[in-house]
Amino acid sequence: MNELVDLIVKKTGVSAATATTIVNIVLNYATKKLPAPIATELTTLINNEAVVSEAESLIGGLAATLEKNAANKKKK
């Protein structure tokens, strides 16, 4: 959750306390609206820094691969 809070602080300029409150409000709202299994996964993901870092790395790698493939297609 700290990475998400830090990102909100960086992008919006609000305080860390405000960003934490925002994350908690959104997480509580989402977990009430989502089916229980998905809500549990979301809560686990948000609260697990290692999982968040790994997911960011995977997404970054995927984005780089997609960009590379798109660039190669334009060359052809």
Protein backbone atom coordinates (compact mmCIF):
# COMPACT_ATOMS: atom_id res chain seq x y z
CA MET A 1 0.00 0.00 0.00
CA ASN A 2 2.93 2.34 0.64
CA GLU A 3 3.88 2.39 -3.02
CA LEU A 4 0.35 3.36 -3.98
CA VAL A 5 0.29 6.08 -1.31
CA ASP A 6 3.66 7.37 -2.51
CA LEU A 7 2.41 7.44 -6.10
CA ILE A 8 -0.68 9.43 -5.11
CA VAL A 9 1.47 11.88 -3.14
CA LYS A 10 3.85 12.29 -6.08
CA LYS A 11 1.12 12.73 -8.71
CA THR A 12 -1.24 14.97 -6.71
CA GLY A 13 0.86 16.71 -4.09
CA VAL A 14 -1.46 15.73 -1.23
CA SER A 15 0.02 14.66 2.10
CA ALA A 16 0.84 11.02 2.85
CA ALA A 17 -1.93 10.99 5.46
CA THR A 18 -4.47 12.19 2.91
CA ALA A 19 -3.25 9.70 0.33
CA THR A 20 -3.51 6.87 2.87
CA THR A 21 -7.07 7.91 3.65
CA ILE A 22 -7.90 7.97 -0.07
CA VAL A 23 -6.46 4.48 -0.61
CA ASN A 24 -8.38 3.13 2.38
CA ILE A 25 -11.65 4.71 1.24
CA VAL A 26 -11.30 3.32 -2.29
CA LEU A 27 -10.21 -0.11 -1.03
CA ASN A 28 -13.13 -0.30 1.42
CA TYR A 29 -15.58 0.78 -1.28
CA ALA A 30 -14.20 -1.67 -3.83
CA THR A 31 -14.19 -4.61 -1.43
CA LYS A 32 -17.87 -3.99 -0.61
CA LYS A 33 -18.82 -3.89 -4.30
CA LEU A 34 -16.70 -6.76 -5.63
CA PRO A 35 -17.42 -10.47 -5.21
CA ALA A 36 -15.75 -11.78 -2.04
CA PRO A 37 -12.95 -13.78 -3.74
CA ILE A 38 -11.93 -10.82 -5.89
CA ALA A 39 -12.17 -8.40 -2.95
CA THR A 40 -9.86 -10.65 -0.94
CA GLU A 41 -7.35 -10.78 -3.79
CA LEU A 42 -7.46 -6.99 -4.17
CA THR A 43 -6.88 -6.44 -0.46
CA THR A 44 -4.00 -8.90 -0.47
CA LEU A 45 -2.46 -7.25 -3.52
CA ILE A 46 -2.71 -3.73 -2.12
CA ASN A 47 -1.27 -4.74 1.24
CA ASN A 48 1.55 -6.89 -0.10
CA GLU A 49 4.44 -4.69 -1.23
CA ALA A 50 6.39 -7.61 -2.69
CA VAL A 51 3.46 -8.60 -4.88
CA VAL A 52 3.00 -5.01 -6.00
CA SER A 53 6.67 -4.70 -6.93
CA GLU A 54 6.59 -7.98 -8.81
CA ALA A 55 3.41 -6.99 -10.64
CA GLU A 56 4.96 -3.65 -11.61
CA SER A 57 8.02 -5.45 -12.97
CA LEU A 58 5.88 -7.87 -14.96
CA ILE A 59 3.72 -5.10 -16.35
CA GLY A 60 6.80 -3.05 -17.22
CA GLY A 61 8.33 -6.02 -19.02
CA LEU A 62 5.12 -6.68 -20.88
CA ALA A 63 4.84 -3.03 -21.93
CA ALA A 64 8.44 -3.04 -23.18
CA THR A 65 7.81 -6.20 -25.18
CA LEU A 66 4.65 -4.78 -26.72
CA GLU A 67 6.42 -1.54 -27.63
CA LYS A 68 9.29 -3.47 -29.18
CA ASN A 69 6.88 -5.62 -31.21
CA ALA A 70 5.00 -2.53 -32.39
CA ALA A 71 8.25 -0.86 -33.43
CA ASN A 72 9.32 -3.99 -35.35
CA LYS A 73 5.98 -4.11 -37.18
CA LYS A 74 6.36 -0.48 -38.26
CA LYS A 75 9.80 -1.25 -39.72
CA LYS A 76 8.38 -3.98 -41.97
